[in-house]
Amino acid sequence: MAEESGATTTASSGGERPAGGDRPSFGDRPDRGERRPPRPGGPGGGREGGRKYFRRKKVCKFCVEKIEAINYKDVRLLAQFVAESGKIVPRRLTGVCTPHQRRLSLAIKQARNIALLPFAGRAS
């Protein structure tokens, strides 16, 4: 067979590798410490300690008022879910459930296509 050498080689790397790996060491750098300063007011955060802010859970307007159909002609209703910039407001901000958000976005897009709602907000 072939000559065997005394040096240890690995088949995948094709030779010996340095002991420290291939990444440079940053031993001369000081420790950065914590990245963020601690929040004021203890575990709840906020300005005044101890009192946690409780946000009420948003509920779907269409489910509460039992609105079955979201009509593209109802511009006053659709305009509540369109921001001033012309974008559709996401459901995490409005509280609308997923099935109604899908129907709402389709109705807004239909209303835009027939010029009942603007595609973009006012230019500043």
PDB file of N, CA and C in Angstrom:
ATOM      1  N   MET A   1       0.817  -1.187   0.000  1.00  0.00           N
ATOM      2  CA  MET A   1       0.000   0.000   0.000  1.00  0.00           C
ATOM      3  C   MET A   1       0.861   1.251   0.000  1.00  0.00           C
ATOM      4  N   ALA A   2       0.213   2.411   0.205  1.00  0.00           N
ATOM      5  CA  ALA A   2       0.922   3.682   0.150  1.00  0.00           C
ATOM      6  C   ALA A   2       1.732   3.899   1.416  1.00  0.00           C
ATOM      7  N   GLU A   3       2.666   4.819   1.331  1.00  0.00           N
ATOM      8  CA  GLU A   3       3.505   5.142   2.458  1.00  0.00           C
ATOM      9  C   GLU A   3       2.689   5.810   3.546  1.00  0.00           C
ATOM     10  N   GLU A   4       2.867   5.396   4.780  1.00  0.00           N
ATOM     11  CA  GLU A   4       2.134   6.000   5.883  1.00  0.00           C
ATOM     12  C   GLU A   4       3.046   7.002   6.561  1.00  0.00           C
ATOM     13  N   SER A   5       2.539   8.187   6.780  1.00  0.00           N
ATOM     14  CA  SER A   5       3.345   9.213   7.417  1.00  0.00           C
ATOM     15  C   SER A   5       3.043   9.265   8.903  1.00  0.00           C
ATOM     16  N   GLY A   6       3.921   9.862   9.644  1.00  0.00           N
ATOM     17  CA  GLY A   6       3.758   9.956  11.084  1.00  0.00           C
ATOM     18  C   GLY A   6       2.776  11.051  11.486  1.00  0.00           C
ATOM     19  N   ALA A   7       2.540  12.046  10.617  1.00  0.00           N
ATOM     20  CA  ALA A   7       1.640  13.157  10.946  1.00  0.00           C
ATOM     21  C   ALA A   7       0.197  12.704  10.833  1.00  0.00           C
ATOM     22  N   THR A   8      -0.620  13.216  11.700  1.00  0.00           N
ATOM     23  CA  THR A   8      -2.047  12.862  11.656  1.00  0.00           C
ATOM     24  C   THR A   8      -2.756  13.803  10.698  1.00  0.00           C
ATOM     25  N   THR A   9      -3.486  13.242   9.782  1.00  0.00           N
ATOM     26  CA  THR A   9      -4.257  14.042   8.838  1.00  0.00           C
ATOM     27  C   THR A   9      -5.686  13.566   8.870  1.00  0.00           C
ATOM     28  N   THR A  10      -6.576  14.463   8.521  1.00  0.00           N
ATOM     29  CA  THR A  10      -7.984  14.084   8.434  1.00  0.00           C
ATOM     30  C   THR A  10      -8.375  14.033   6.981  1.00  0.00           C
ATOM     31  N   ALA A  11      -9.249  13.113   6.660  1.00  0.00           N
ATOM     32  CA  ALA A  11      -9.632  12.928   5.265  1.00  0.00           C
ATOM     33  C   ALA A  11     -10.461  14.095   4.748  1.00  0.00           C
ATOM     34  N   SER A  12     -11.298  14.673   5.608  1.00  0.00           N
ATOM     35  CA  SER A  12     -12.191  15.722   5.129  1.00  0.00           C
ATOM     36  C   SER A  12     -11.481  17.053   4.932  1.00  0.00           C
ATOM     37  N   SER A  13     -10.491  17.370   5.801  1.00  0.00           N
ATOM     38  CA  SER A  13      -9.855  18.673   5.686  1.00  0.00           C
ATOM     39  C   SER A  13      -8.644  18.652   4.773  1.00  0.00           C
ATOM     40  N   GLY A  14      -8.054  17.485   4.551  1.00  0.00           N
ATOM     41  CA  GLY A  14      -6.925  17.409   3.648  1.00  0.00           C
ATOM     42  C   GLY A  14      -5.612  17.755   4.304  1.00  0.00           C
ATOM     43  N   GLY A  15      -5.547  17.931   5.602  1.00  0.00           N
ATOM     44  CA  GLY A  15      -4.302  18.247   6.276  1.00  0.00           C
ATOM     45  C   GLY A  15      -4.560  18.604   7.723  1.00  0.00           C
ATOM     46  N   GLU A  16      -3.489  19.045   8.376  1.00  0.00           N
ATOM     47  CA  GLU A  16      -3.648  19.411   9.780  1.00  0.00           C
ATOM     48  C   GLU A  16      -4.241  20.802   9.891  1.00  0.00           C
ATOM     49  N   ARG A  17      -5.034  20.986  10.933  1.00  0.00           N
ATOM     50  CA  ARG A  17      -5.647  22.291  11.189  1.00  0.00           C
ATOM     51  C   ARG A  17      -5.039  22.887  12.447  1.00  0.00           C
ATOM     52  N   PRO A  18      -5.051  24.194  12.539  1.00  0.00           N
ATOM     53  CA  PRO A  18      -4.549  24.809  13.773  1.00  0.00           C
ATOM     54  C   PRO A  18      -5.449  24.444  14.954  1.00  0.00           C
ATOM     55  N   ALA A  19      -4.852  24.377  16.132  1.00  0.00           N
ATOM     56  CA  ALA A  19      -5.576  23.914  17.313  1.00  0.00           C
ATOM     57  C   ALA A  19      -6.714  24.855  17.698  1.00  0.00           C
ATOM     58  N   GLY A  20      -6.571  26.132  17.445  1.00  0.00           N
ATOM     59  CA  GLY A  20      -7.574  27.095  17.886  1.00  0.00           C
ATOM     60  C   GLY A  20      -8.763  27.237  16.968  1.00  0.00           C
ATOM     61  N   GLY A  21      -8.839  26.504  15.905  1.00  0.00           N
ATOM     62  CA  GLY A  21      -9.926  26.666  14.965  1.00  0.00           C
ATOM     63  C   GLY A  21      -9.594  27.736  13.951  1.00  0.00           C
ATOM     64  N   ASP A  22     -10.537  28.068  13.099  1.00  0.00           N
ATOM     65  CA  ASP A  22     -10.253  29.027  12.040  1.00  0.00           C
ATOM     66  C   ASP A  22     -10.767  30.427  12.351  1.00  0.00           C
ATOM     67  N   ARG A  23     -11.362  30.612  13.518  1.00  0.00           N
ATOM     68  CA  ARG A  23     -11.870  31.938  13.860  1.00  0.00           C
ATOM     69  C   ARG A  23     -10.831  32.701  14.672  1.00  0.00           C
ATOM     70  N   PRO A  24     -10.708  33.990  14.425  1.00  0.00           N
ATOM     71  CA  PRO A  24      -9.736  34.763  15.199  1.00  0.00           C
ATOM     72  C   PRO A  24     -10.203  34.912  16.644  1.00  0.00           C
ATOM     73  N   SER A  25      -9.242  34.996  17.548  1.00  0.00           N
ATOM     74  CA  SER A  25      -9.614  35.178  18.951  1.00  0.00           C
ATOM     75  C   SER A  25      -9.599  36.669  19.260  1.00  0.00           C
ATOM     76  N   PHE A  26     -10.519  37.066  20.097  1.00  0.00           N
ATOM     77  CA  PHE A  26     -10.598  38.460  20.498  1.00  0.00           C
ATOM     78  C   PHE A  26     -10.282  38.548  21.987  1.00  0.00           C
ATOM     79  N   GLY A  27      -9.183  37.932  22.377  1.00  0.00           N
ATOM     80  CA  GLY A  27      -8.825  37.882  23.780  1.00  0.00           C
ATOM     81  C   GLY A  27      -8.454  39.233  24.354  1.00  0.00           C
ATOM     82  N   ASP A  28      -8.036  40.167  23.511  1.00  0.00           N
ATOM     83  CA  ASP A  28      -7.620  41.460  24.020  1.00  0.00           C
ATOM     84  C   ASP A  28      -8.790  42.419  24.214  1.00  0.00           C
ATOM     85  N   ARG A  29      -9.985  42.030  23.769  1.00  0.00           N
ATOM     86  CA  ARG A  29     -11.146  42.909  23.934  1.00  0.00           C
ATOM     87  C   ARG A  29     -11.724  42.767  25.338  1.00  0.00           C
ATOM     88  N   PRO A  30     -12.137  43.893  25.934  1.00  0.00           N
ATOM     89  CA  PRO A  30     -12.774  43.787  27.254  1.00  0.00           C
ATOM     90  C   PRO A  30     -14.206  43.267  27.117  1.00  0.00           C
ATOM     91  N   ASP A  31     -14.739  42.743  28.205  1.00  0.00           N
ATOM     92  CA  ASP A  31     -16.107  42.239  28.220  1.00  0.00           C
ATOM     93  C   ASP A  31     -17.071  43.412  28.043  1.00  0.00           C
ATOM     94  N   ARG A  32     -18.091  43.225  27.219  1.00  0.00           N
ATOM     95  CA  ARG A  32     -19.027  44.312  26.929  1.00  0.00           C
ATOM     96  C   ARG A  32     -20.065  44.505  28.026  1.00  0.00           C
ATOM     97  N   GLY A  33     -20.223  43.533  28.874  1.00  0.00           N
ATOM     98  CA  GLY A  33     -21.204  43.654  29.942  1.00  0.00           C
ATOM     99  C   GLY A  33     -22.607  43.428  29.408  1.00  0.00           C
ATOM    100  N   GLU A  34     -23.603  43.928  30.147  1.00  0.00           N
ATOM    101  CA  GLU A  34     -24.990  43.776  29.695  1.00  0.00           C
ATOM    102  C   GLU A  34     -25.238  44.659  28.491  1.00  0.00           C
ATOM    103  N   ARG A  35     -26.036  44.171  27.564  1.00  0.00           N
ATOM    104  CA  ARG A  35     -26.320  44.956  26.364  1.00  0.00           C
ATOM    105  C   ARG A  35     -27.345  46.042  26.634  1.00  0.00           C
ATOM    106  N   ARG A  36     -28.349  45.733  27.434  1.00  0.00           N
ATOM    107  CA  ARG A  36     -29.389  46.718  27.736  1.00  0.00           C
ATOM    108  C   ARG A  36     -29.331  47.078  29.213  1.00  0.00           C
ATOM    109  N   PRO A  37     -29.563  48.340  29.532  1.00  0.00           N
ATOM    110  CA  PRO A  37     -29.634  48.687  30.950  1.00  0.00           C
ATOM    111  C   PRO A  37     -30.930  48.133  31.540  1.00  0.00           C
ATOM    112  N   PRO A  38     -30.961  47.866  32.827  1.00  0.00           N
ATOM    113  CA  PRO A  38     -32.187  47.331  33.425  1.00  0.00           C
ATOM    114  C   PRO A  38     -33.338  48.327  33.320  1.00  0.00           C
ATOM    115  N   ARG A  39     -34.544  47.790  33.190  1.00  0.00           N
ATOM    116  CA  ARG A  39     -35.722  48.647  33.038  1.00  0.00           C
ATOM    117  C   ARG A  39     -36.121  49.237  34.383  1.00  0.00           C
ATOM    118  N   PRO A  40     -36.588  50.487  34.381  1.00  0.00           N
ATOM    119  CA  PRO A  40     -36.997  51.098  35.644  1.00  0.00           C
ATOM    120  C   PRO A  40     -38.321  50.509  36.133  1.00  0.00           C
ATOM    121  N   GLY A  41     -38.492  50.510  37.447  1.00  0.00           N
ATOM    122  CA  GLY A  41     -39.781  50.121  37.996  1.00  0.00           C
ATOM    123  C   GLY A  41     -39.920  48.659  38.311  1.00  0.00           C
ATOM    124  N   GLY A  42     -38.873  47.883  38.236  1.00  0.00           N
ATOM    125  CA  GLY A  42     -38.961  46.486  38.630  1.00  0.00           C
ATOM    126  C   GLY A  42     -39.504  45.585  37.549  1.00  0.00           C
ATOM    127  N   PRO A  43     -40.118  44.463  37.943  1.00  0.00           N
ATOM    128  CA  PRO A  43     -40.499  43.438  36.972  1.00  0.00           C
ATOM    129  C   PRO A  43     -41.576  43.868  35.989  1.00  0.00           C
ATOM    130  N   GLY A  44     -42.422  44.787  36.351  1.00  0.00           N
ATOM    131  CA  GLY A  44     -43.500  45.195  35.449  1.00  0.00           C
ATOM    132  C   GLY A  44     -43.066  46.208  34.420  1.00  0.00           C
ATOM    133  N   GLY A  45     -41.877  46.774  34.597  1.00  0.00           N
ATOM    134  CA  GLY A  45     -41.468  47.848  33.705  1.00  0.00           C
ATOM    135  C   GLY A  45     -42.244  49.097  34.069  1.00  0.00           C
ATOM    136  N   GLY A  46     -42.517  49.930  33.116  1.00  0.00           N
ATOM    137  CA  GLY A  46     -43.354  51.098  33.371  1.00  0.00           C
ATOM    138  C   GLY A  46     -42.630  52.171  34.151  1.00  0.00           C
ATOM    139  N   ARG A  47     -43.267  53.303  34.278  1.00  0.00           N
ATOM    140  CA  ARG A  47     -42.666  54.446  34.953  1.00  0.00           C
ATOM    141  C   ARG A  47     -42.688  54.275  36.476  1.00  0.00           C
ATOM    142  N   GLU A  48     -43.825  53.870  37.012  1.00  0.00           N
ATOM    143  CA  GLU A  48     -43.938  53.717  38.450  1.00  0.00           C
ATOM    144  C   GLU A  48     -43.920  52.240  38.786  1.00  0.00           C
ATOM    145  N   GLY A  49     -43.038  51.871  39.674  1.00  0.00           N
ATOM    146  CA  GLY A  49     -42.851  50.466  39.987  1.00  0.00           C
ATOM    147  C   GLY A  49     -44.049  49.827  40.669  1.00  0.00           C
ATOM    148  N   GLY A  50     -44.162  48.523  40.496  1.00  0.00           N
ATOM    149  CA  GLY A  50     -45.182  47.774  41.198  1.00  0.00           C
ATOM    150  C   GLY A  50     -46.484  47.588  40.451  1.00  0.00           C
ATOM    151  N   ARG A  51     -46.920  48.559  39.707  1.00  0.00           N
ATOM    152  CA  ARG A  51     -48.215  48.479  39.049  1.00  0.00           C
ATOM    153  C   ARG A  51     -48.037  48.075  37.595  1.00  0.00           C
ATOM    154  N   LYS A  52     -48.631  46.943  37.224  1.00  0.00           N
ATOM    155  CA  LYS A  52     -48.524  46.484  35.847  1.00  0.00           C
ATOM    156  C   LYS A  52     -49.657  47.073  35.028  1.00  0.00           C
ATOM    157  N   TYR A  53     -49.346  47.371  33.780  1.00  0.00           N
ATOM    158  CA  TYR A  53     -50.349  47.914  32.871  1.00  0.00           C
ATOM    159  C   TYR A  53     -51.122  46.764  32.267  1.00  0.00           C
ATOM    160  N   PHE A  54     -52.438  46.801  32.378  1.00  0.00           N
ATOM    161  CA  PHE A  54     -53.278  45.738  31.852  1.00  0.00           C
ATOM    162  C   PHE A  54     -53.980  46.231  30.600  1.00  0.00           C
ATOM    163  N   ARG A  55     -53.701  45.593  29.475  1.00  0.00           N
ATOM    164  CA  ARG A  55     -54.347  45.948  28.218  1.00  0.00           C
ATOM    165  C   ARG A  55     -55.497  44.981  27.982  1.00  0.00           C
ATOM    166  N   ARG A  56     -56.658  45.542  27.705  1.00  0.00           N
ATOM    167  CA  ARG A  56     -57.829  44.720  27.467  1.00  0.00           C
ATOM    168  C   ARG A  56     -57.690  43.986  26.134  1.00  0.00           C
ATOM    169  N   LYS A  57     -58.123  42.743  26.107  1.00  0.00           N
ATOM    170  CA  LYS A  57     -58.014  41.942  24.894  1.00  0.00           C
ATOM    171  C   LYS A  57     -58.946  42.501  23.831  1.00  0.00           C
ATOM    172  N   LYS A  58     -58.426  42.665  22.629  1.00  0.00           N
ATOM    173  CA  LYS A  58     -59.239  43.183  21.536  1.00  0.00           C
ATOM    174  C   LYS A  58     -60.122  42.075  21.003  1.00  0.00           C
ATOM    175  N   VAL A  59     -61.354  42.421  20.705  1.00  0.00           N
ATOM    176  CA  VAL A  59     -62.287  41.434  20.162  1.00  0.00           C
ATOM    177  C   VAL A  59     -62.697  41.865  18.763  1.00  0.00           C
ATOM    178  N   CYS A  60     -63.094  40.894  17.975  1.00  0.00           N
ATOM    179  CA  CYS A  60     -63.467  41.149  16.593  1.00  0.00           C
ATOM    180  C   CYS A  60     -64.774  41.934  16.545  1.00  0.00           C
ATOM    181  N   LYS A  61     -64.743  43.069  15.890  1.00  0.00           N
ATOM    182  CA  LYS A  61     -65.929  43.914  15.766  1.00  0.00           C
ATOM    183  C   LYS A  61     -67.038  43.196  15.003  1.00  0.00           C
ATOM    184  N   PHE A  62     -66.658  42.420  14.003  1.00  0.00           N
ATOM    185  CA  PHE A  62     -67.640  41.734  13.168  1.00  0.00           C
ATOM    186  C   PHE A  62     -68.303  40.587  13.929  1.00  0.00           C
ATOM    187  N   CYS A  63     -67.557  39.921  14.786  1.00  0.00           N
ATOM    188  CA  CYS A  63     -68.134  38.840  15.591  1.00  0.00           C
ATOM    189  C   CYS A  63     -69.053  39.401  16.673  1.00  0.00           C
ATOM    190  N   VAL A  64     -68.640  40.496  17.321  1.00  0.00           N
ATOM    191  CA  VAL A  64     -69.429  41.084  18.401  1.00  0.00           C
ATOM    192  C   VAL A  64     -70.741  41.639  17.872  1.00  0.00           C
ATOM    193  N   GLU A  65     -70.684  42.373  16.767  1.00  0.00           N
ATOM    194  CA  GLU A  65     -71.892  42.983  16.196  1.00  0.00           C
ATOM    195  C   GLU A  65     -72.634  42.039  15.264  1.00  0.00           C
ATOM    196  N   LYS A  66     -72.133  40.805  15.142  1.00  0.00           N
ATOM    197  CA  LYS A  66     -72.742  39.762  14.307  1.00  0.00           C
ATOM    198  C   LYS A  66     -72.974  40.236  12.870  1.00  0.00           C
ATOM    199  N   ILE A  67     -71.940  40.860  12.302  1.00  0.00           N
ATOM    200  CA  ILE A  67     -71.982  41.281  10.903  1.00  0.00           C
ATOM    201  C   ILE A  67     -71.553  40.087  10.064  1.00  0.00           C
ATOM    202  N   GLU A  68     -72.469  39.542   9.287  1.00  0.00           N
ATOM    203  CA  GLU A  68     -72.183  38.343   8.493  1.00  0.00           C
ATOM    204  C   GLU A  68     -71.364  38.676   7.250  1.00  0.00           C
ATOM    205  N   ALA A  69     -71.865  39.610   6.443  1.00  0.00           N
ATOM    206  CA  ALA A  69     -71.216  39.923   5.164  1.00  0.00           C
ATOM    207  C   ALA A  69     -70.460  41.247   5.278  1.00  0.00           C
ATOM    208  N   ILE A  70     -69.234  41.246   4.780  1.00  0.00           N
ATOM    209  CA  ILE A  70     -68.455  42.478   4.692  1.00  0.00           C
ATOM    210  C   ILE A  70     -68.552  42.936   3.248  1.00  0.00           C
ATOM    211  N   ASN A  71     -69.285  44.020   3.031  1.00  0.00           N
ATOM    212  CA  ASN A  71     -69.580  44.481   1.683  1.00  0.00           C
ATOM    213  C   ASN A  71     -68.553  45.524   1.245  1.00  0.00           C
ATOM    214  N   TYR A  72     -68.076  45.398   0.028  1.00  0.00           N
ATOM    215  CA  TYR A  72     -67.090  46.353  -0.488  1.00  0.00           C
ATOM    216  C   TYR A  72     -67.692  47.737  -0.703  1.00  0.00           C
ATOM    217  N   LYS A  73     -69.034  47.843  -0.736  1.00  0.00           N
ATOM    218  CA  LYS A  73     -69.680  49.144  -0.945  1.00  0.00           C
ATOM    219  C   LYS A  73     -69.802  49.947   0.350  1.00  0.00           C
ATOM    220  N   ASP A  74     -69.606  49.301   1.487  1.00  0.00           N
ATOM    221  CA  ASP A  74     -69.715  49.977   2.780  1.00  0.00           C
ATOM    222  C   ASP A  74     -68.390  50.675   3.100  1.00  0.00           C
ATOM    223  N   VAL A  75     -68.202  51.824   2.487  1.00  0.00           N
ATOM    224  CA  VAL A  75     -66.920  52.532   2.555  1.00  0.00           C
ATOM    225  C   VAL A  75     -66.644  53.031   3.968  1.00  0.00           C
ATOM    226  N   ARG A  76     -67.671  53.450   4.680  1.00  0.00           N
ATOM    227  CA  ARG A  76     -67.477  53.977   6.035  1.00  0.00           C
ATOM    228  C   ARG A  76     -66.913  52.888   6.962  1.00  0.00           C
ATOM    229  N   LEU A  77     -67.409  51.672   6.823  1.00  0.00           N
ATOM    230  CA  LEU A  77     -66.908  50.556   7.625  1.00  0.00           C
ATOM    231  C   LEU A  77     -65.478  50.191   7.217  1.00  0.00           C
ATOM    232  N   LEU A  78     -65.240  50.112   5.919  1.00  0.00           N
ATOM    233  CA  LEU A  78     -63.917  49.711   5.432  1.00  0.00           C
ATOM    234  C   LEU A  78     -62.846  50.741   5.779  1.00  0.00           C
ATOM    235  N   ALA A  79     -63.222  52.013   5.787  1.00  0.00           N
ATOM    236  CA  ALA A  79     -62.254  53.078   6.052  1.00  0.00           C
ATOM    237  C   ALA A  79     -61.704  53.007   7.475  1.00  0.00           C
ATOM    238  N   GLN A  80     -62.436  52.371   8.388  1.00  0.00           N
ATOM    239  CA  GLN A  80     -61.951  52.223   9.761  1.00  0.00           C
ATOM    240  C   GLN A  80     -60.734  51.301   9.828  1.00  0.00           C
ATOM    241  N   PHE A  81     -60.577  50.441   8.825  1.00  0.00           N
ATOM    242  CA  PHE A  81     -59.508  49.448   8.833  1.00  0.00           C
ATOM    243  C   PHE A  81     -58.406  49.776   7.834  1.00  0.00           C
ATOM    244  N   VAL A  82     -58.411  51.012   7.323  1.00  0.00           N
ATOM    245  CA  VAL A  82     -57.363  51.478   6.413  1.00  0.00           C
ATOM    246  C   VAL A  82     -56.663  52.654   7.086  1.00  0.00           C
ATOM    247  N   ALA A  83     -55.338  52.605   7.169  1.00  0.00           N
ATOM    248  CA  ALA A  83     -54.563  53.673   7.796  1.00  0.00           C
ATOM    249  C   ALA A  83     -54.542  54.908   6.896  1.00  0.00           C
ATOM    250  N   GLU A  84     -54.079  56.018   7.446  1.00  0.00           N
ATOM    251  CA  GLU A  84     -53.995  57.262   6.669  1.00  0.00           C
ATOM    252  C   GLU A  84     -53.058  57.120   5.481  1.00  0.00           C
ATOM    253  N   SER A  85     -52.081  56.243   5.615  1.00  0.00           N
ATOM    254  CA  SER A  85     -51.141  56.020   4.517  1.00  0.00           C
ATOM    255  C   SER A  85     -51.760  55.199   3.395  1.00  0.00           C
ATOM    256  N   GLY A  86     -52.937  54.615   3.639  1.00  0.00           N
ATOM    257  CA  GLY A  86     -53.606  53.803   2.634  1.00  0.00           C
ATOM    258  C   GLY A  86     -53.421  52.314   2.843  1.00  0.00           C
ATOM    259  N   LYS A  87     -52.630  51.933   3.835  1.00  0.00           N
ATOM    260  CA  LYS A  87     -52.373  50.512   4.094  1.00  0.00           C
ATOM    261  C   LYS A  87     -53.501  49.901   4.917  1.00  0.00           C
ATOM    262  N   ILE A  88     -53.719  48.609   4.717  1.00  0.00           N
ATOM    263  CA  ILE A  88     -54.683  47.876   5.526  1.00  0.00           C
ATOM    264  C   ILE A  88     -54.056  47.658   6.901  1.00  0.00           C
ATOM    265  N   VAL A  89     -54.795  48.020   7.948  1.00  0.00           N
ATOM    266  CA  VAL A  89     -54.283  47.903   9.309  1.00  0.00           C
ATOM    267  C   VAL A  89     -54.249  46.423   9.701  1.00  0.00           C
ATOM    268  N   PRO A  90     -53.141  45.920  10.257  1.00  0.00           N
ATOM    269  CA  PRO A  90     -53.049  44.499  10.602  1.00  0.00           C
ATOM    270  C   PRO A  90     -53.981  44.117  11.740  1.00  0.00           C
ATOM    271  N   ARG A  91     -54.310  42.824  11.802  1.00  0.00           N
ATOM    272  CA  ARG A  91     -55.295  42.369  12.769  1.00  0.00           C
ATOM    273  C   ARG A  91     -54.803  42.445  14.208  1.00  0.00           C
ATOM    274  N   ARG A  92     -53.492  42.439  14.422  1.00  0.00           N
ATOM    275  CA  ARG A  92     -53.013  42.558  15.797  1.00  0.00           C
ATOM    276  C   ARG A  92     -53.289  43.948  16.360  1.00  0.00           C
ATOM    277  N   LEU A  93     -53.500  44.933  15.476  1.00  0.00           N
ATOM    278  CA  LEU A  93     -53.845  46.278  15.932  1.00  0.00           C
ATOM    279  C   LEU A  93     -55.350  46.492  16.004  1.00  0.00           C
ATOM    280  N   THR A  94     -56.101  45.880  15.096  1.00  0.00           N
ATOM    281  CA  THR A  94     -57.548  46.090  15.071  1.00  0.00           C
ATOM    282  C   THR A  94     -58.298  45.099  15.937  1.00  0.00           C
ATOM    283  N   GLY A  95     -57.752  43.900  16.131  1.00  0.00           N
ATOM    284  CA  GLY A  95     -58.434  42.882  16.911  1.00  0.00           C
ATOM    285  C   GLY A  95     -59.395  42.041  16.105  1.00  0.00           C
ATOM    286  N   VAL A  96     -59.416  42.196  14.797  1.00  0.00           N
ATOM    287  CA  VAL A  96     -60.322  41.432  13.936  1.00  0.00           C
ATOM    288  C   VAL A  96     -59.816  39.991  13.856  1.00  0.00           C
ATOM    289  N   CYS A  97     -60.738  39.024  13.883  1.00  0.00           N
ATOM    290  CA  CYS A  97     -60.343  37.620  13.808  1.00  0.00           C
ATOM    291  C   CYS A  97     -59.864  37.287  12.391  1.00  0.00           C
ATOM    292  N   THR A  98     -59.204  36.149  12.261  1.00  0.00           N
ATOM    293  CA  THR A  98     -58.575  35.773  10.995  1.00  0.00           C
ATOM    294  C   THR A  98     -59.550  35.651   9.827  1.00  0.00           C
ATOM    295  N   PRO A  99     -60.680  34.933   9.963  1.00  0.00           N
ATOM    296  CA  PRO A  99     -61.584  34.830   8.809  1.00  0.00           C
ATOM    297  C   PRO A  99     -62.152  36.181   8.375  1.00  0.00           C
ATOM    298  N   HIS A 100     -62.477  37.032   9.362  1.00  0.00           N
ATOM    299  CA  HIS A 100     -63.011  38.345   9.005  1.00  0.00           C
ATOM    300  C   HIS A 100     -61.931  39.251   8.419  1.00  0.00           C
ATOM    301  N   GLN A 101     -60.683  39.102   8.872  1.00  0.00           N
ATOM    302  CA  GLN A 101     -59.597  39.908   8.297  1.00  0.00           C
ATOM    303  C   GLN A 101     -59.394  39.551   6.831  1.00  0.00           C
ATOM    304  N   ARG A 102     -59.522  38.267   6.498  1.00  0.00           N
ATOM    305  CA  ARG A 102     -59.385  37.858   5.093  1.00  0.00           C
ATOM    306  C   ARG A 102     -60.478  38.486   4.243  1.00  0.00           C
ATOM    307  N   ARG A 103     -61.720  38.392   4.719  1.00  0.00           N
ATOM    308  CA  ARG A 103     -62.841  38.979   3.966  1.00  0.00           C
ATOM    309  C   ARG A 103     -62.714  40.493   3.893  1.00  0.00           C
ATOM    310  N   LEU A 104     -62.258  41.098   4.982  1.00  0.00           N
ATOM    311  CA  LEU A 104     -62.088  42.545   5.040  1.00  0.00           C
ATOM    312  C   LEU A 104     -61.048  43.010   4.027  1.00  0.00           C
ATOM    313  N   SER A 105     -59.925  42.306   3.943  1.00  0.00           N
ATOM    314  CA  SER A 105     -58.884  42.720   2.998  1.00  0.00           C
ATOM    315  C   SER A 105     -59.354  42.559   1.558  1.00  0.00           C
ATOM    316  N   LEU A 106     -60.129  41.504   1.288  1.00  0.00           N
ATOM    317  CA  LEU A 106     -60.682  41.344  -0.063  1.00  0.00           C
ATOM    318  C   LEU A 106     -61.654  42.475  -0.394  1.00  0.00           C
ATOM    319  N   ALA A 107     -62.504  42.845   0.572  1.00  0.00           N
ATOM    320  CA  ALA A 107     -63.468  43.926   0.349  1.00  0.00           C
ATOM    321  C   ALA A 107     -62.755  45.259   0.139  1.00  0.00           C
ATOM    322  N   ILE A 108     -61.691  45.508   0.896  1.00  0.00           N
ATOM    323  CA  ILE A 108     -60.926  46.755   0.733  1.00  0.00           C
ATOM    324  C   ILE A 108     -60.281  46.794  -0.644  1.00  0.00           C
ATOM    325  N   LYS A 109     -59.745  45.666  -1.094  1.00  0.00           N
ATOM    326  CA  LYS A 109     -59.113  45.620  -2.416  1.00  0.00           C
ATOM    327  C   LYS A 109     -60.132  45.806  -3.530  1.00  0.00           C
ATOM    328  N   GLN A 110     -61.341  45.247  -3.354  1.00  0.00           N
ATOM    329  CA  GLN A 110     -62.398  45.460  -4.350  1.00  0.00           C
ATOM    330  C   GLN A 110     -62.795  46.926  -4.386  1.00  0.00           C
ATOM    331  N   ALA A 111     -62.949  47.532  -3.209  1.00  0.00           N
ATOM    332  CA  ALA A 111     -63.336  48.943  -3.138  1.00  0.00           C
ATOM    333  C   ALA A 111     -62.262  49.839  -3.747  1.00  0.00           C
ATOM    334  N   ARG A 112     -61.016  49.478  -3.596  1.00  0.00           N
ATOM    335  CA  ARG A 112     -59.940  50.250  -4.222  1.00  0.00           C
ATOM    336  C   ARG A 112     -60.006  50.147  -5.738  1.00  0.00           C
ATOM    337  N   ASN A 113     -60.292  48.943  -6.239  1.00  0.00           N
ATOM    338  CA  ASN A 113     -60.302  48.740  -7.688  1.00  0.00           C
ATOM    339  C   ASN A 113     -61.411  49.513  -8.387  1.00  0.00           C
ATOM    340  N   ILE A 114     -62.528  49.735  -7.697  1.00  0.00           N
ATOM    341  CA  ILE A 114     -63.595  50.521  -8.334  1.00  0.00           C
ATOM    342  C   ILE A 114     -63.630  51.951  -7.797  1.00  0.00           C
ATOM    343  N   ALA A 115     -62.513  52.389  -7.209  1.00  0.00           N
ATOM    344  CA  ALA A 115     -62.283  53.777  -6.793  1.00  0.00           C
ATOM    345  C   ALA A 115     -63.199  54.250  -5.677  1.00  0.00           C
ATOM    346  N   LEU A 116     -63.632  53.353  -4.807  1.00  0.00           N
ATOM    347  CA  LEU A 116     -64.370  53.783  -3.626  1.00  0.00           C
ATOM    348  C   LEU A 116     -63.412  54.133  -2.484  1.00  0.00           C
ATOM    349  N   LEU A 117     -62.266  53.487  -2.475  1.00  0.00           N
ATOM    350  CA  LEU A 117     -61.217  53.779  -1.494  1.00  0.00           C
ATOM    351  C   LEU A 117     -59.930  54.108  -2.243  1.00  0.00           C
ATOM    352  N   PRO A 118     -59.108  54.984  -1.680  1.00  0.00           N
ATOM    353  CA  PRO A 118     -57.841  55.300  -2.348  1.00  0.00           C
ATOM    354  C   PRO A 118     -56.808  54.192  -2.149  1.00  0.00           C
ATOM    355  N   PHE A 119     -55.926  54.041  -3.126  1.00  0.00           N
ATOM    356  CA  PHE A 119     -54.829  53.080  -3.002  1.00  0.00           C
ATOM    357  C   PHE A 119     -53.768  53.614  -2.051  1.00  0.00           C
ATOM    358  N   ALA A 120     -53.532  54.909  -2.084  1.00  0.00           N
ATOM    359  CA  ALA A 120     -52.517  55.530  -1.237  1.00  0.00           C
ATOM    360  C   ALA A 120     -53.151  56.650  -0.432  1.00  0.00           C
ATOM    361  N   GLY A 121     -52.469  57.007   0.653  1.00  0.00           N
ATOM    362  CA  GLY A 121     -52.955  58.099   1.485  1.00  0.00           C
ATOM    363  C   GLY A 121     -52.648  59.438   0.850  1.00  0.00           C
ATOM    364  N   ARG A 122     -52.885  60.463   1.629  1.00  0.00           N
ATOM    365  CA  ARG A 122     -52.629  61.820   1.128  1.00  0.00           C
ATOM    366  C   ARG A 122     -51.129  62.084   1.036  1.00  0.00           C
ATOM    367  N   ALA A 123     -50.724  62.748  -0.020  1.00  0.00           N
ATOM    368  CA  ALA A 123     -49.313  63.109  -0.188  1.00  0.00           C
ATOM    369  C   ALA A 123     -49.008  64.299   0.708  1.00  0.00           C
ATOM    370  N   SER A 124     -47.877  64.234   1.393  1.00  0.00           N
ATOM    371  CA  SER A 124     -47.542  65.332   2.306  1.00  0.00           C
ATOM    372  C   SER A 124     -46.560  66.295   1.705  1.00  0.00           C
TER     373      SER A 124
END
